[in-house]
N, C-alpha and C. Protein backbone atom coordinates (compact mmCIF):
# COMPACT_ATOMS: atom_id res chain seq x y z
N MET A 1 -153.48 -130.47 176.12
CA MET A 1 -152.45 -130.46 175.24
C MET A 1 -151.24 -131.20 175.84
N LYS A 2 -150.81 -132.10 175.63
CA LYS A 2 -149.82 -133.12 175.91
C LYS A 2 -148.22 -131.71 175.64
N ILE A 3 -147.27 -131.84 176.18
CA ILE A 3 -146.52 -131.11 176.23
C ILE A 3 -145.65 -131.44 175.09
N ALA A 4 -145.80 -133.02 174.88
CA ALA A 4 -144.84 -133.32 173.86
C ALA A 4 -145.34 -133.13 172.43
N HIS A 5 -146.52 -132.93 172.58
CA HIS A 5 -147.30 -132.42 171.22
C HIS A 5 -146.78 -131.38 171.00
N VAL A 6 -147.19 -130.44 172.03
CA VAL A 6 -146.96 -128.72 171.91
C VAL A 6 -145.69 -128.43 171.34
N LEU A 7 -144.81 -129.23 171.91
CA LEU A 7 -143.26 -129.13 171.49
C LEU A 7 -142.86 -129.74 170.30
N ALA A 8 -143.58 -130.60 169.88
CA ALA A 8 -142.96 -131.63 168.54
C ALA A 8 -143.80 -130.62 167.27
N ILE A 9 -145.29 -129.78 167.48
CA ILE A 9 -145.48 -129.38 166.34
C ILE A 9 -144.85 -127.89 166.57
N THR A 10 -144.45 -127.39 167.54
CA THR A 10 -143.37 -126.27 167.26
C THR A 10 -142.35 -126.68 166.59
N PHE A 11 -141.91 -127.64 167.09
CA PHE A 11 -139.89 -127.75 166.37
C PHE A 11 -140.63 -128.40 165.02
N ILE A 12 -141.51 -128.95 164.57
CA ILE A 12 -141.67 -129.43 162.85
C ILE A 12 -142.02 -128.37 162.18
N GLY A 13 -142.98 -127.29 162.95
CA GLY A 13 -143.39 -126.02 162.52
C GLY A 13 -142.20 -125.01 161.72
N LEU A 14 -141.31 -125.00 162.88
CA LEU A 14 -140.29 -124.44 162.45
C LEU A 14 -139.21 -124.65 161.84
N SER A 15 -139.21 -126.42 161.25
CA SER A 15 -138.40 -126.71 160.55
C SER A 15 -139.17 -127.04 158.80
N ILE A 16 -140.61 -126.64 158.33
CA ILE A 16 -141.22 -126.27 157.42
C ILE A 16 -141.20 -124.90 157.01
N PRO A 17 -140.30 -124.27 155.66
CA PRO A 17 -140.09 -123.24 154.91
C PRO A 17 -142.02 -122.60 155.02
N LEU A 18 -141.90 -121.46 155.01
CA LEU A 18 -142.88 -120.89 154.79
C LEU A 18 -142.85 -119.50 153.44
N PRO A 19 -143.66 -119.78 152.92
CA PRO A 19 -144.04 -119.35 151.61
C PRO A 19 -143.29 -117.31 152.05
N GLY A 20 -143.03 -116.70 151.28
CA GLY A 20 -142.64 -115.21 151.35
C GLY A 20 -141.42 -115.34 150.91
N LYS A 21 -140.91 -113.62 150.96
CA LYS A 21 -139.83 -113.23 150.41
C LYS A 21 -138.79 -112.99 151.84
N ALA A 22 -137.80 -113.95 151.86
CA ALA A 22 -136.96 -113.39 152.75
C ALA A 22 -135.44 -112.70 152.19
N GLN A 23 -134.87 -112.31 153.06
CA GLN A 23 -133.67 -111.74 152.63
C GLN A 23 -132.52 -112.67 152.27
N VAL A 24 -132.19 -112.54 150.92
CA VAL A 24 -131.10 -113.00 150.78
C VAL A 24 -129.90 -112.11 149.91
N ALA A 25 -128.58 -113.07 150.49
CA ALA A 25 -127.69 -112.56 149.78
C ALA A 25 -127.06 -113.71 148.13
N GLY A 26 -127.27 -113.36 147.08
CA GLY A 26 -126.97 -114.35 146.34
C GLY A 26 -127.83 -115.33 146.58
N THR A 27 -127.57 -116.94 147.25
CA THR A 27 -128.38 -117.72 147.04
C THR A 27 -128.75 -118.13 148.47
N THR A 28 -128.17 -117.63 149.28
CA THR A 28 -128.03 -117.80 151.09
C THR A 28 -129.38 -117.02 151.57
N LEU A 29 -130.05 -117.89 152.39
CA LEU A 29 -131.41 -117.23 153.02
C LEU A 29 -130.77 -116.60 154.36
N LEU A 30 -130.98 -115.43 154.68
CA LEU A 30 -130.72 -115.16 155.86
C LEU A 30 -131.23 -114.64 156.98
N GLY A 31 -132.96 -114.94 156.80
CA GLY A 31 -133.55 -114.27 157.84
C GLY A 31 -135.30 -114.70 156.99
N VAL A 32 -136.08 -114.65 157.76
CA VAL A 32 -137.31 -114.63 157.57
C VAL A 32 -138.16 -113.02 156.68
N SER A 33 -139.30 -113.15 156.15
CA SER A 33 -139.68 -112.03 155.70
C SER A 33 -140.46 -111.42 156.94
N VAL A 34 -140.73 -110.31 156.56
CA VAL A 34 -141.66 -109.10 158.09
C VAL A 34 -142.99 -109.79 158.51
N ALA A 35 -143.74 -110.40 156.91
CA ALA A 35 -144.91 -111.18 157.45
C ALA A 35 -144.66 -112.71 157.90
N GLU A 36 -143.22 -113.04 157.78
CA GLU A 36 -143.49 -114.23 158.60
C GLU A 36 -143.61 -114.19 160.33
N LEU A 37 -142.27 -112.75 160.30
CA LEU A 37 -142.42 -112.76 161.78
C LEU A 37 -143.67 -112.60 162.51
N ARG A 38 -144.65 -112.54 162.28
CA ARG A 38 -145.84 -112.62 163.46
C ARG A 38 -146.09 -114.41 163.77
N SER A 39 -145.86 -115.15 162.24
CA SER A 39 -145.68 -116.24 162.88
C SER A 39 -144.66 -116.74 163.92
N VAL A 40 -143.43 -116.15 163.84
CA VAL A 40 -142.59 -116.71 164.64
C VAL A 40 -142.74 -116.60 165.90
N ALA A 41 -143.38 -114.73 165.85
CA ALA A 41 -143.17 -114.46 167.39
C ALA A 41 -144.71 -115.26 168.22
N LEU A 42 -145.51 -115.54 167.28
CA LEU A 42 -146.54 -116.27 168.13
C LEU A 42 -146.53 -117.82 168.42
N GLY A 43 -145.42 -118.14 168.07
CA GLY A 43 -145.02 -119.91 168.34
C GLY A 43 -144.83 -119.41 169.83
N TRP A 44 -144.00 -120.72 170.25
CA TRP A 44 -143.83 -121.37 171.54
C TRP A 44 -142.21 -120.99 171.77
N SER A 45 -141.65 -120.31 172.67
CA SER A 45 -140.60 -120.18 172.90
C SER A 45 -139.66 -120.94 174.10
N ALA A 46 -138.75 -121.74 173.68
CA ALA A 46 -137.96 -122.98 174.79
C ALA A 46 -137.65 -121.83 175.67
N LYS A 47 -137.29 -120.89 175.09
CA LYS A 47 -136.35 -119.94 176.55
C LYS A 47 -137.56 -119.45 177.35
N HIS A 48 -138.22 -118.66 177.07
CA HIS A 48 -139.36 -118.00 177.77
C HIS A 48 -140.66 -118.58 178.49
N GLN A 49 -141.07 -119.96 177.48
CA GLN A 49 -142.46 -120.79 178.13
C GLN A 49 -142.01 -121.87 178.51
N ILE A 50 -140.75 -122.56 178.30
CA ILE A 50 -140.29 -123.98 179.16
C ILE A 50 -138.86 -124.38 180.18
N LEU A 51 -138.40 -123.44 179.41
CA LEU A 51 -136.81 -123.28 180.48
C LEU A 51 -136.79 -122.78 181.38
N GLY A 52 -136.62 -122.86 182.44
CA GLY A 52 -136.28 -122.63 184.00
C GLY A 52 -137.78 -123.00 184.79
N GLN A 53 -138.92 -123.16 183.96
CA GLN A 53 -140.24 -123.68 184.56
C GLN A 53 -139.95 -124.83 185.95
N SER A 54 -140.77 -124.80 186.75
CA SER A 54 -140.63 -125.55 187.70
C SER A 54 -141.92 -126.83 186.81
N VAL A 55 -141.47 -128.24 187.54
CA VAL A 55 -142.18 -129.59 187.05
C VAL A 55 -142.96 -129.73 189.08
N TYR A 56 -143.77 -130.34 188.63
CA TYR A 56 -144.69 -130.61 189.56
C TYR A 56 -145.19 -131.83 189.52
N ASN A 57 -145.69 -132.61 190.85
CA ASN A 57 -145.90 -133.93 190.75
C ASN A 57 -147.56 -133.93 190.92
N ASP A 58 -148.32 -134.79 190.53
CA ASP A 58 -149.84 -135.26 190.53
C ASP A 58 -150.77 -134.52 192.36
N LYS A 59 -149.26 -134.47 192.94
CA LYS A 59 -149.79 -133.95 194.55
C LYS A 59 -149.95 -132.39 194.81
N ASN A 60 -149.05 -131.75 193.14
CA ASN A 60 -148.76 -130.43 193.35
C ASN A 60 -147.31 -130.09 194.26
N GLU A 61 -146.55 -130.92 194.40
CA GLU A 61 -145.71 -130.80 194.96
C GLU A 61 -144.17 -130.73 194.04
N ARG A 62 -143.42 -129.55 193.97
CA ARG A 62 -142.43 -129.05 193.17
C ARG A 62 -141.14 -130.31 193.17
N VAL A 63 -140.64 -130.83 192.35
CA VAL A 63 -140.03 -131.84 192.18
C VAL A 63 -139.04 -131.75 191.34
N GLY A 64 -138.72 -130.33 190.56
CA GLY A 64 -137.73 -129.91 189.92
C GLY A 64 -138.03 -128.97 189.02
N SER A 65 -136.96 -128.59 188.28
CA SER A 65 -137.43 -127.38 187.06
C SER A 65 -136.52 -127.75 185.79
N ILE A 66 -137.20 -127.42 184.77
CA ILE A 66 -137.02 -127.85 183.14
C ILE A 66 -135.58 -126.81 183.12
N ASP A 67 -134.23 -128.09 182.63
CA ASP A 67 -132.93 -126.88 182.20
C ASP A 67 -132.31 -126.92 181.41
N ASP A 68 -132.86 -127.86 180.05
CA ASP A 68 -132.94 -128.27 179.04
C ASP A 68 -134.12 -129.05 177.81
N ILE A 69 -133.85 -128.46 176.41
CA ILE A 69 -134.83 -129.72 175.97
C ILE A 69 -133.52 -130.24 175.06
N ILE A 70 -133.82 -131.61 174.81
CA ILE A 70 -133.30 -132.32 173.66
C ILE A 70 -134.07 -132.80 172.85
N ILE A 71 -133.30 -131.99 171.39
CA ILE A 71 -133.97 -132.93 170.38
C ILE A 71 -133.05 -133.34 169.90
N ALA A 72 -133.92 -134.85 169.15
CA ALA A 72 -133.02 -136.08 168.38
C ALA A 72 -132.98 -135.80 167.18
N GLY A 73 -132.27 -136.55 166.70
CA GLY A 73 -131.65 -136.61 165.27
C GLY A 73 -132.84 -136.36 164.37
N ASP A 74 -133.64 -136.68 164.26
CA ASP A 74 -134.73 -136.63 163.51
C ASP A 74 -135.99 -135.59 163.69
N LYS A 75 -135.59 -134.11 164.41
CA LYS A 75 -136.03 -133.23 164.96
C LYS A 75 -137.22 -133.25 165.77
N ALA A 76 -137.23 -134.59 166.58
CA ALA A 76 -138.32 -134.34 167.54
C ALA A 76 -137.51 -133.98 168.62
N VAL A 77 -138.70 -133.25 169.49
CA VAL A 77 -138.40 -132.94 170.90
C VAL A 77 -138.61 -134.46 171.43
N SER A 78 -137.50 -134.84 172.16
CA SER A 78 -137.56 -136.43 172.72
C SER A 78 -137.51 -136.10 174.46
N TYR A 79 -136.72 -135.12 174.97
CA TYR A 79 -136.05 -135.46 176.07
C TYR A 79 -136.19 -134.11 176.99
N ALA A 80 -136.65 -133.78 178.22
CA ALA A 80 -136.58 -132.70 178.82
C ALA A 80 -135.40 -132.89 179.93
N ILE A 81 -134.89 -132.00 180.04
CA ILE A 81 -133.66 -132.43 181.31
C ILE A 81 -134.34 -131.62 182.61
N VAL A 82 -134.58 -132.51 183.39
CA VAL A 82 -135.11 -131.92 185.04
C VAL A 82 -134.05 -131.63 185.79
N ASN A 83 -133.87 -130.97 186.24
CA ASN A 83 -132.73 -130.58 187.60
C ASN A 83 -133.43 -130.55 188.88
N ALA A 84 -133.23 -131.93 189.22
CA ALA A 84 -133.58 -132.35 189.92
C ALA A 84 -132.79 -132.07 192.10
N GLY A 85 -132.00 -130.74 191.55
CA GLY A 85 -131.17 -130.55 192.90
C GLY A 85 -131.78 -130.39 193.48
N GLY A 86 -131.06 -129.68 194.56
CA GLY A 86 -131.33 -128.72 195.51
C GLY A 86 -131.37 -127.44 195.29
N PHE A 87 -131.90 -126.68 196.59
CA PHE A 87 -132.04 -124.74 195.93
C PHE A 87 -130.86 -124.22 195.43
N LEU A 88 -131.28 -123.49 194.19
CA LEU A 88 -130.85 -122.53 193.23
C LEU A 88 -129.82 -123.28 192.48
N ALA A 89 -130.03 -124.52 192.58
CA ALA A 89 -129.13 -126.22 191.54
C ALA A 89 -127.88 -125.79 192.11
N VAL A 90 -127.16 -126.01 193.69
CA VAL A 90 -126.30 -125.82 194.25
C VAL A 90 -125.88 -127.29 194.42
N THR A 91 -126.94 -128.13 194.24
CA THR A 91 -126.52 -129.61 194.36
C THR A 91 -127.27 -130.34 192.86
N LYS A 92 -126.87 -130.13 191.95
CA LYS A 92 -127.44 -130.17 190.40
C LYS A 92 -127.26 -131.33 190.74
N HIS A 93 -129.16 -131.62 189.97
CA HIS A 93 -128.31 -133.62 189.35
C HIS A 93 -129.66 -133.80 188.61
N ASP A 94 -129.23 -133.16 187.15
CA ASP A 94 -130.12 -133.44 185.87
C ASP A 94 -130.67 -134.80 185.78
N VAL A 95 -131.56 -135.23 185.35
CA VAL A 95 -132.41 -136.57 184.55
C VAL A 95 -133.30 -136.37 183.41
N ALA A 96 -132.92 -137.15 182.74
CA ALA A 96 -133.55 -137.01 181.54
C ALA A 96 -134.95 -137.23 181.20
N ILE A 97 -135.90 -136.72 180.95
CA ILE A 97 -137.40 -138.02 181.39
C ILE A 97 -137.94 -137.28 179.90
N PRO A 98 -138.15 -138.08 179.37
CA PRO A 98 -138.70 -138.36 178.21
C PRO A 98 -140.27 -137.41 178.23
N VAL A 99 -140.19 -136.52 177.17
CA VAL A 99 -141.54 -135.56 177.37
C VAL A 99 -142.84 -135.97 176.91
N SER A 100 -142.82 -137.59 176.70
CA SER A 100 -144.38 -137.98 176.53
C SER A 100 -144.58 -138.08 177.83
N GLN A 101 -143.90 -137.80 179.14
CA GLN A 101 -144.35 -138.14 180.40
C GLN A 101 -144.48 -136.83 181.11
N LEU A 102 -144.40 -135.73 180.56
CA LEU A 102 -144.68 -134.39 180.94
C LEU A 102 -146.33 -134.08 180.29
N LYS A 103 -146.87 -133.52 181.33
CA LYS A 103 -148.31 -132.83 180.62
C LYS A 103 -148.10 -131.49 181.13
N LEU A 104 -149.17 -130.51 180.70
CA LEU A 104 -148.80 -129.27 181.04
C LEU A 104 -150.54 -128.90 181.22
N VAL A 105 -150.93 -128.71 182.46
CA VAL A 105 -152.11 -128.44 183.06
C VAL A 105 -151.85 -127.46 183.70
N ASP A 106 -152.85 -126.46 183.39
CA ASP A 106 -153.12 -124.98 184.25
C ASP A 106 -152.15 -124.36 184.04
N ASP A 107 -150.93 -124.42 182.78
CA ASP A 107 -149.88 -123.83 182.62
C ASP A 107 -148.79 -123.97 183.97
N LYS A 108 -148.80 -125.56 184.22
CA LYS A 108 -147.96 -126.24 185.20
C LYS A 108 -147.39 -127.24 184.72
N PHE A 109 -146.13 -127.77 184.36
CA PHE A 109 -145.46 -129.09 184.09
C PHE A 109 -145.59 -130.10 184.96
N ILE A 110 -146.29 -131.24 184.86
CA ILE A 110 -146.68 -132.10 185.52
C ILE A 110 -146.06 -133.35 185.11
N LEU A 111 -144.99 -134.29 186.63
CA LEU A 111 -144.60 -135.35 186.49
C LEU A 111 -145.25 -136.16 187.11
N THR A 112 -146.55 -136.91 186.35
CA THR A 112 -147.05 -138.22 187.48
C THR A 112 -146.53 -138.89 188.47
N GLY A 113 -146.64 -139.43 189.36
CA GLY A 113 -145.91 -140.04 189.98
C GLY A 113 -144.74 -139.51 190.56
N ALA A 114 -144.07 -138.59 190.58
CA ALA A 114 -142.59 -138.28 190.59
C ALA A 114 -142.62 -138.04 191.70
N THR A 115 -141.59 -138.15 192.37
CA THR A 115 -141.26 -137.48 193.64
C THR A 115 -139.67 -136.46 193.60
N LYS A 116 -139.38 -136.02 194.43
CA LYS A 116 -137.50 -135.68 194.41
C LYS A 116 -136.86 -136.96 194.61
N GLU A 117 -137.13 -137.31 195.62
CA GLU A 117 -135.89 -138.65 195.66
C GLU A 117 -136.14 -139.60 194.41
N ALA A 118 -137.71 -139.91 194.05
CA ALA A 118 -137.11 -141.02 193.00
C ALA A 118 -136.30 -140.39 191.93
N LEU A 119 -136.40 -139.13 191.47
CA LEU A 119 -135.62 -138.14 190.41
C LEU A 119 -134.26 -138.58 190.86
N LYS A 120 -133.81 -137.91 192.35
CA LYS A 120 -132.54 -137.72 192.73
C LYS A 120 -131.88 -139.35 192.68
N ALA A 121 -133.24 -140.53 192.64
CA ALA A 121 -132.32 -141.85 192.57
C ALA A 121 -132.27 -142.28 190.97
N SER A 122 -132.63 -141.36 190.29
CA SER A 122 -132.12 -141.79 188.89
C SER A 122 -130.87 -141.42 188.29
N PRO A 123 -130.54 -142.23 187.19
CA PRO A 123 -129.11 -141.68 186.29
C PRO A 123 -128.89 -140.30 186.06
N VAL A 124 -127.88 -140.05 186.44
CA VAL A 124 -127.60 -138.16 186.32
C VAL A 124 -127.13 -138.39 184.77
N PHE A 125 -128.03 -137.21 184.02
CA PHE A 125 -127.60 -136.76 183.15
C PHE A 125 -126.74 -136.00 182.12
N GLU A 126 -125.39 -136.45 182.01
CA GLU A 126 -124.48 -135.52 181.75
C GLU A 126 -124.30 -135.36 180.14
N TYR A 127 -123.84 -134.15 179.72
CA TYR A 127 -123.47 -134.11 178.34
C TYR A 127 -122.35 -134.67 177.98
N THR A 128 -122.43 -135.38 176.59
CA THR A 128 -120.99 -135.87 176.09
C THR A 128 -120.55 -135.13 175.42
N HIS A 129 -120.43 -133.66 174.91
CA HIS A 129 -119.30 -133.14 174.24
C HIS A 129 -120.02 -131.17 174.83
């Protein structure tokens, strides 16, 4: 399954309210019910399963690591921010990669055709705020 599909399903799933009684104070929803916690625990975690993971090309060469995930205004996961910089991010060079270009193969994120040089030649992604 493409990472784009996994991420899209994860974030869409997070935006759909599940049945059950959550804690409320007046009419404000504060969290999920005990029954819902199992669904949350079984979902994908960007922090634990995506962020910081290495990105490889189709020749099994490490070309970067995933530093961030960008979610568009329509709540769809759109881009992975890949750091193509040097050792320990000393020379950071963030590049926005459409998640549709990433594949998850044997627990590795693959960016077909990528090289460190090609990523470093790509425009730098900079946060606007």
